[in-house]
Amino acid sequence: MRPSSQASSPTVPLNRPFYERDTVRVARELLGKMLVRRIGHTVLQGVIVETEAYRGEGDPASHAYRGPTKRNAVMFGPPGHAYVYFTYGMHYCLNVTTEPLGNPGAVLIRAAEPTSGIEQMKKRRRTDQMRILANGPAKLTQAFVVDRNLNGHDLTLGKKLFISEGANVERLEIASTCRVGIRVGLEKPWRFFFRGNSFVSKQ
């Protein structure tokens, strides 16, 4: 089952208290929310269908596990900001910061179901296959034009990049598994997604 296309108007960003909570809870509750990217007069939107939670201390898979660095500084800052990093020398990944100030946490936005600006996404992804436009963290950042310039961006301002209330997902089944693409912390079932949704990266 897919999220309802009857989503609320994606003009009001989620507030800071939404992000200032337990990272795993935020990761789960981000499912069904609307990812919004504004580039001039162009608006790109998609329903978030897959996320992963990363904490700090006690989570060896987290960038913040060994303490603050220049790369992960955003994770130690206020909640509700974009944490964008470059990986494998070729891809960007979009995360949102969680937990109170000084307590590092972030949620990786792994996949989204595009709902607006689809033709622009196809051009940027160089594909006509809608299902693979944003079904993975690197594909998502390509489709939504997210790069290091948005690292530290305040998502609660509702400007270039933000997350708003989205689709009606009450009847959708949420599944959880271990996280993908890591070597440590595999025992933690902190990857969340809508079961049966064709825009999820891996079922």
C-alpha atoms as a PDB file:
ATOM      1  CA  MET A   1       0.000   0.000   0.000  1.00  0.00           C
ATOM      2  CA  ARG A   2       1.254   3.464  -0.884  1.00  0.00           C
ATOM      3  CA  PRO A   3       0.876   6.750   1.016  1.00  0.00           C
ATOM      4  CA  SER A   4      -2.281   8.651   0.097  1.00  0.00           C
ATOM      5  CA  SER A   5      -1.694  11.315  -2.527  1.00  0.00           C
ATOM      6  CA  GLN A   6      -4.044  13.603  -0.608  1.00  0.00           C
ATOM      7  CA  ALA A   7      -1.303  15.277   1.385  1.00  0.00           C
ATOM      8  CA  SER A   8      -1.672  18.518   3.282  1.00  0.00           C
ATOM      9  CA  SER A   9      -0.176  21.672   1.782  1.00  0.00           C
ATOM     10  CA  PRO A  10       3.610  21.373   2.300  1.00  0.00           C
ATOM     11  CA  THR A  11       4.115  24.971   3.401  1.00  0.00           C
ATOM     12  CA  VAL A  12       4.544  24.648   7.165  1.00  0.00           C
ATOM     13  CA  PRO A  13       7.833  23.024   8.256  1.00  0.00           C
ATOM     14  CA  LEU A  14       8.013  20.648  11.205  1.00  0.00           C
ATOM     15  CA  ASN A  15       9.007  22.597  14.315  1.00  0.00           C
ATOM     16  CA  ARG A  16      12.125  22.134  16.387  1.00  0.00           C
ATOM     17  CA  PRO A  17      10.435  20.164  19.218  1.00  0.00           C
ATOM     18  CA  PHE A  18       9.615  17.449  16.681  1.00  0.00           C
ATOM     19  CA  TYR A  19      13.344  16.854  16.133  1.00  0.00           C
ATOM     20  CA  GLU A  20      14.386  17.464  19.746  1.00  0.00           C
ATOM     21  CA  ARG A  21      13.448  13.925  20.804  1.00  0.00           C
ATOM     22  CA  ASP A  22      14.796  10.410  20.814  1.00  0.00           C
ATOM     23  CA  THR A  23      16.471   9.731  17.465  1.00  0.00           C
ATOM     24  CA  VAL A  24      14.856   6.329  16.903  1.00  0.00           C
ATOM     25  CA  ARG A  25      11.393   7.734  17.557  1.00  0.00           C
ATOM     26  CA  VAL A  26      11.991  10.623  15.162  1.00  0.00           C
ATOM     27  CA  ALA A  27      13.239   8.213  12.479  1.00  0.00           C
ATOM     28  CA  ARG A  28      10.029   6.225  12.688  1.00  0.00           C
ATOM     29  CA  GLU A  29       7.759   9.266  12.771  1.00  0.00           C
ATOM     30  CA  LEU A  30       9.435  10.886   9.754  1.00  0.00           C
ATOM     31  CA  LEU A  31       7.835   8.202   7.585  1.00  0.00           C
ATOM     32  CA  GLY A  32       4.987   9.763   5.655  1.00  0.00           C
ATOM     33  CA  LYS A  33       6.277  13.296   6.107  1.00  0.00           C
ATOM     34  CA  MET A  34       6.885  15.447   3.031  1.00  0.00           C
ATOM     35  CA  LEU A  35      10.427  16.356   1.965  1.00  0.00           C
ATOM     36  CA  VAL A  36      10.348  19.752   0.232  1.00  0.00           C
ATOM     37  CA  ARG A  37      13.125  21.376  -1.807  1.00  0.00           C
ATOM     38  CA  ARG A  38      12.740  24.862  -3.249  1.00  0.00           C
ATOM     39  CA  ILE A  39      15.043  26.048  -6.039  1.00  0.00           C
ATOM     40  CA  GLY A  40      13.890  29.429  -7.311  1.00  0.00           C
ATOM     41  CA  HIS A  41      10.346  28.916  -8.588  1.00  0.00           C
ATOM     42  CA  THR A  42      10.764  25.142  -8.745  1.00  0.00           C
ATOM     43  CA  VAL A  43       9.386  22.985  -5.924  1.00  0.00           C
ATOM     44  CA  LEU A  44      10.442  19.345  -5.551  1.00  0.00           C
ATOM     45  CA  GLN A  45       8.462  17.162  -3.154  1.00  0.00           C
ATOM     46  CA  GLY A  46       8.373  13.560  -2.049  1.00  0.00           C
ATOM     47  CA  VAL A  47       6.887  11.454   0.727  1.00  0.00           C
ATOM     48  CA  ILE A  48       9.573  10.006   2.987  1.00  0.00           C
ATOM     49  CA  VAL A  49       9.243   6.206   2.878  1.00  0.00           C
ATOM     50  CA  GLU A  50      12.517   5.005   4.434  1.00  0.00           C
ATOM     51  CA  THR A  51      14.809   6.266   7.209  1.00  0.00           C
ATOM     52  CA  GLU A  52      17.646   5.131   9.475  1.00  0.00           C
ATOM     53  CA  ALA A  53      18.481   6.329  12.991  1.00  0.00           C
ATOM     54  CA  TYR A  54      22.031   7.066  14.155  1.00  0.00           C
ATOM     55  CA  ARG A  55      22.877   8.036  17.711  1.00  0.00           C
ATOM     56  CA  GLY A  56      26.194   9.218  19.148  1.00  0.00           C
ATOM     57  CA  GLU A  57      27.763   7.518  22.143  1.00  0.00           C
ATOM     58  CA  GLY A  58      26.946   3.816  22.152  1.00  0.00           C
ATOM     59  CA  ASP A  59      26.353   3.623  18.391  1.00  0.00           C
ATOM     60  CA  PRO A  60      29.583   2.597  16.621  1.00  0.00           C
ATOM     61  CA  ALA A  61      27.923   3.104  13.218  1.00  0.00           C
ATOM     62  CA  SER A  62      27.398   6.806  13.923  1.00  0.00           C
ATOM     63  CA  HIS A  63      29.739   9.548  12.720  1.00  0.00           C
ATOM     64  CA  ALA A  64      29.500  10.998  16.229  1.00  0.00           C
ATOM     65  CA  TYR A  65      30.623   7.836  18.009  1.00  0.00           C
ATOM     66  CA  ARG A  66      34.168   9.087  18.689  1.00  0.00           C
ATOM     67  CA  GLY A  67      33.183  12.654  19.520  1.00  0.00           C
ATOM     68  CA  PRO A  68      32.950  15.930  17.624  1.00  0.00           C
ATOM     69  CA  THR A  69      35.009  16.597  14.484  1.00  0.00           C
ATOM     70  CA  LYS A  70      34.877  19.191  11.741  1.00  0.00           C
ATOM     71  CA  ARG A  71      32.871  16.766   9.607  1.00  0.00           C
ATOM     72  CA  ASN A  72      30.208  15.849  12.178  1.00  0.00           C
ATOM     73  CA  ALA A  73      29.940  19.193  14.006  1.00  0.00           C
ATOM     74  CA  VAL A  74      26.344  19.692  12.835  1.00  0.00           C
ATOM     75  CA  MET A  75      25.285  16.560  14.739  1.00  0.00           C
ATOM     76  CA  PHE A  76      26.331  18.190  18.013  1.00  0.00           C
ATOM     77  CA  GLY A  77      24.419  21.376  17.237  1.00  0.00           C
ATOM     78  CA  PRO A  78      20.718  22.213  17.505  1.00  0.00           C
ATOM     79  CA  PRO A  79      18.123  19.686  16.341  1.00  0.00           C
ATOM     80  CA  GLY A  80      16.232  20.259  13.117  1.00  0.00           C
ATOM     81  CA  HIS A  81      19.208  21.005  10.884  1.00  0.00           C
ATOM     82  CA  ALA A  82      20.411  19.246   7.739  1.00  0.00           C
ATOM     83  CA  TYR A  83      23.548  17.158   8.124  1.00  0.00           C
ATOM     84  CA  VAL A  84      24.894  16.544   4.615  1.00  0.00           C
ATOM     85  CA  TYR A  85      28.069  14.573   4.059  1.00  0.00           C
ATOM     86  CA  PHE A  86      30.015  13.228   1.089  1.00  0.00           C
ATOM     87  CA  THR A  87      30.660   9.496   0.977  1.00  0.00           C
ATOM     88  CA  TYR A  88      32.603   7.052  -1.208  1.00  0.00           C
ATOM     89  CA  GLY A  89      34.075  10.073  -2.995  1.00  0.00           C
ATOM     90  CA  MET A  90      30.975  10.465  -5.161  1.00  0.00           C
ATOM     91  CA  HIS A  91      27.690  10.692  -3.231  1.00  0.00           C
ATOM     92  CA  TYR A  92      25.942  13.028  -0.803  1.00  0.00           C
ATOM     93  CA  CYS A  93      23.656  11.801   1.962  1.00  0.00           C
ATOM     94  CA  LEU A  94      20.930  13.835   3.674  1.00  0.00           C
ATOM     95  CA  ASN A  95      20.371  13.519   7.412  1.00  0.00           C
ATOM     96  CA  VAL A  96      18.349  15.563   9.889  1.00  0.00           C
ATOM     97  CA  THR A  97      19.726  16.278  13.365  1.00  0.00           C
ATOM     98  CA  THR A  98      17.847  15.152  16.453  1.00  0.00           C
ATOM     99  CA  GLU A  99      18.114  15.181  20.261  1.00  0.00           C
ATOM    100  CA  PRO A 100      18.807  18.258  22.451  1.00  0.00           C
ATOM    101  CA  LEU A 101      21.776  20.527  21.742  1.00  0.00           C
ATOM    102  CA  GLY A 102      25.082  18.788  22.475  1.00  0.00           C
ATOM    103  CA  ASN A 103      23.605  15.268  22.338  1.00  0.00           C
ATOM    104  CA  PRO A 104      24.442  14.003  18.835  1.00  0.00           C
ATOM    105  CA  GLY A 105      21.835  12.200  16.822  1.00  0.00           C
ATOM    106  CA  ALA A 106      20.736  12.150  13.193  1.00  0.00           C
ATOM    107  CA  VAL A 107      18.270  10.408  10.917  1.00  0.00           C
ATOM    108  CA  LEU A 108      19.348   9.424   7.412  1.00  0.00           C
ATOM    109  CA  ILE A 109      16.628  10.014   4.809  1.00  0.00           C
ATOM    110  CA  ARG A 110      17.078   6.881   2.718  1.00  0.00           C
ATOM    111  CA  ALA A 111      14.207   7.082   0.229  1.00  0.00           C
ATOM    112  CA  ALA A 112      11.236   9.147  -0.878  1.00  0.00           C
ATOM    113  CA  GLU A 113       8.254   8.700  -3.184  1.00  0.00           C
ATOM    114  CA  PRO A 114       8.280  11.709  -5.550  1.00  0.00           C
ATOM    115  CA  THR A 115       5.043  13.695  -5.741  1.00  0.00           C
ATOM    116  CA  SER A 116       5.989  17.020  -7.360  1.00  0.00           C
ATOM    117  CA  GLY A 117       8.723  18.243  -9.667  1.00  0.00           C
ATOM    118  CA  ILE A 118       9.032  14.757 -11.096  1.00  0.00           C
ATOM    119  CA  GLU A 119      10.120  15.844 -14.584  1.00  0.00           C
ATOM    120  CA  GLN A 120      12.953  17.901 -13.093  1.00  0.00           C
ATOM    121  CA  MET A 121      13.996  14.908 -10.990  1.00  0.00           C
ATOM    122  CA  LYS A 122      14.068  12.693 -14.071  1.00  0.00           C
ATOM    123  CA  LYS A 123      16.392  15.123 -15.816  1.00  0.00           C
ATOM    124  CA  ARG A 124      18.768  15.275 -12.855  1.00  0.00           C
ATOM    125  CA  ARG A 125      18.733  11.512 -12.403  1.00  0.00           C
ATOM    126  CA  ARG A 126      18.888  10.891 -16.171  1.00  0.00           C
ATOM    127  CA  THR A 127      16.153   8.298 -16.069  1.00  0.00           C
ATOM    128  CA  ASP A 128      12.462   8.029 -16.947  1.00  0.00           C
ATOM    129  CA  GLN A 129      11.862   5.313 -14.364  1.00  0.00           C
ATOM    130  CA  MET A 130       9.993   6.992 -11.553  1.00  0.00           C
ATOM    131  CA  ARG A 131      10.530   4.134  -9.101  1.00  0.00           C
ATOM    132  CA  ILE A 132      14.289   4.671  -9.016  1.00  0.00           C
ATOM    133  CA  LEU A 133      14.311   8.466  -8.812  1.00  0.00           C
ATOM    134  CA  ALA A 134      14.865   8.576  -5.048  1.00  0.00           C
ATOM    135  CA  ASN A 135      14.951   4.973  -3.807  1.00  0.00           C
ATOM    136  CA  GLY A 136      18.276   5.279  -1.997  1.00  0.00           C
ATOM    137  CA  PRO A 137      20.158   8.009  -0.117  1.00  0.00           C
ATOM    138  CA  ALA A 138      22.476   8.981  -3.001  1.00  0.00           C
ATOM    139  CA  LYS A 139      19.659   8.911  -5.563  1.00  0.00           C
ATOM    140  CA  LEU A 140      17.534  11.055  -3.256  1.00  0.00           C
ATOM    141  CA  THR A 141      20.134  13.800  -2.941  1.00  0.00           C
ATOM    142  CA  GLN A 142      20.630  13.821  -6.706  1.00  0.00           C
ATOM    143  CA  ALA A 143      16.890  14.072  -7.355  1.00  0.00           C
ATOM    144  CA  PHE A 144      16.358  16.793  -4.742  1.00  0.00           C
ATOM    145  CA  VAL A 145      19.581  18.694  -5.531  1.00  0.00           C
ATOM    146  CA  VAL A 146      21.065  18.343  -2.045  1.00  0.00           C
ATOM    147  CA  ASP A 147      24.798  18.864  -1.589  1.00  0.00           C
ATOM    148  CA  ARG A 148      27.290  20.208   0.944  1.00  0.00           C
ATOM    149  CA  ASN A 149      25.943  23.743   0.461  1.00  0.00           C
ATOM    150  CA  LEU A 150      22.933  22.687   2.529  1.00  0.00           C
ATOM    151  CA  ASN A 151      24.984  21.222   5.381  1.00  0.00           C
ATOM    152  CA  GLY A 152      23.811  22.949   8.563  1.00  0.00           C
ATOM    153  CA  HIS A 153      20.686  24.388   6.909  1.00  0.00           C
ATOM    154  CA  ASP A 154      17.886  25.031   9.424  1.00  0.00           C
ATOM    155  CA  LEU A 155      14.977  22.841   8.324  1.00  0.00           C
ATOM    156  CA  THR A 156      12.511  24.630  10.600  1.00  0.00           C
ATOM    157  CA  LEU A 157      12.669  27.887   8.609  1.00  0.00           C
ATOM    158  CA  GLY A 158      10.719  26.523   5.645  1.00  0.00           C
ATOM    159  CA  LYS A 159      13.051  27.926   3.015  1.00  0.00           C
ATOM    160  CA  LYS A 160      15.336  26.035   0.593  1.00  0.00           C
ATOM    161  CA  LEU A 161      14.910  22.634   2.240  1.00  0.00           C
ATOM    162  CA  PHE A 162      12.470  21.442   4.887  1.00  0.00           C
ATOM    163  CA  ILE A 163      10.109  18.680   5.977  1.00  0.00           C
ATOM    164  CA  SER A 164       6.388  19.171   6.516  1.00  0.00           C
ATOM    165  CA  GLU A 165       3.377  17.100   7.448  1.00  0.00           C
ATOM    166  CA  GLY A 166       2.590  14.846   4.546  1.00  0.00           C
ATOM    167  CA  ALA A 167       0.522  11.889   3.464  1.00  0.00           C
ATOM    168  CA  ASN A 168      -2.166   9.935   5.261  1.00  0.00           C
ATOM    169  CA  VAL A 169      -0.251   6.866   6.426  1.00  0.00           C
ATOM    170  CA  GLU A 170      -2.457   5.558   9.235  1.00  0.00           C
ATOM    171  CA  ARG A 171      -3.180   2.265   7.457  1.00  0.00           C
ATOM    172  CA  LEU A 172       0.350   1.657   6.215  1.00  0.00           C
ATOM    173  CA  GLU A 173       2.497  -0.996   7.864  1.00  0.00           C
ATOM    174  CA  ILE A 174       5.851   0.156   9.159  1.00  0.00           C
ATOM    175  CA  ALA A 175       8.641  -2.420   9.125  1.00  0.00           C
ATOM    176  CA  SER A 176      12.073  -2.254  10.743  1.00  0.00           C
ATOM    177  CA  THR A 177      15.344  -4.035   9.990  1.00  0.00           C
ATOM    178  CA  CYS A 178      19.033  -3.599  10.657  1.00  0.00           C
ATOM    179  CA  ARG A 179      20.648  -0.634   8.932  1.00  0.00           C
ATOM    180  CA  VAL A 180      22.137  -0.912   5.447  1.00  0.00           C
ATOM    181  CA  GLY A 181      25.731  -0.424   4.292  1.00  0.00           C
ATOM    182  CA  ILE A 182      27.437  -0.507   7.693  1.00  0.00           C
ATOM    183  CA  ARG A 183      29.869  -2.957   9.267  1.00  0.00           C
ATOM    184  CA  VAL A 184      29.206  -2.283  12.946  1.00  0.00           C
ATOM    185  CA  GLY A 185      25.981  -1.779  14.862  1.00  0.00           C
ATOM    186  CA  LEU A 186      24.140  -4.306  12.731  1.00  0.00           C
ATOM    187  CA  GLU A 187      22.244  -5.622  15.725  1.00  0.00           C
ATOM    188  CA  LYS A 188      20.221  -2.415  16.034  1.00  0.00           C
ATOM    189  CA  PRO A 189      16.899  -2.531  14.104  1.00  0.00           C
ATOM    190  CA  TRP A 190      16.925   1.184  13.375  1.00  0.00           C
ATOM    191  CA  ARG A 191      15.966   1.216   9.703  1.00  0.00           C
ATOM    192  CA  PHE A 192      12.286   1.994   9.156  1.00  0.00           C
ATOM    193  CA  PHE A 193      10.219   1.801   5.973  1.00  0.00           C
ATOM    194  CA  PHE A 194       6.736   1.232   4.617  1.00  0.00           C
ATOM    195  CA  ARG A 195       6.361  -2.445   3.879  1.00  0.00           C
ATOM    196  CA  GLY A 196       5.427  -3.072   0.257  1.00  0.00           C
ATOM    197  CA  ASN A 197       6.210   0.436  -0.927  1.00  0.00           C
ATOM    198  CA  SER A 198       7.966   0.212  -4.294  1.00  0.00           C
ATOM    199  CA  PHE A 199      10.048   3.354  -3.646  1.00  0.00           C
ATOM    200  CA  VAL A 200      11.928   1.829  -0.706  1.00  0.00           C
ATOM    201  CA  SER A 201      15.579   1.055  -1.468  1.00  0.00           C
ATOM    202  CA  LYS A 202      15.520  -2.550  -0.253  1.00  0.00           C
ATOM    203  CA  GLN A 203      12.542  -4.556   0.937  1.00  0.00           C
END
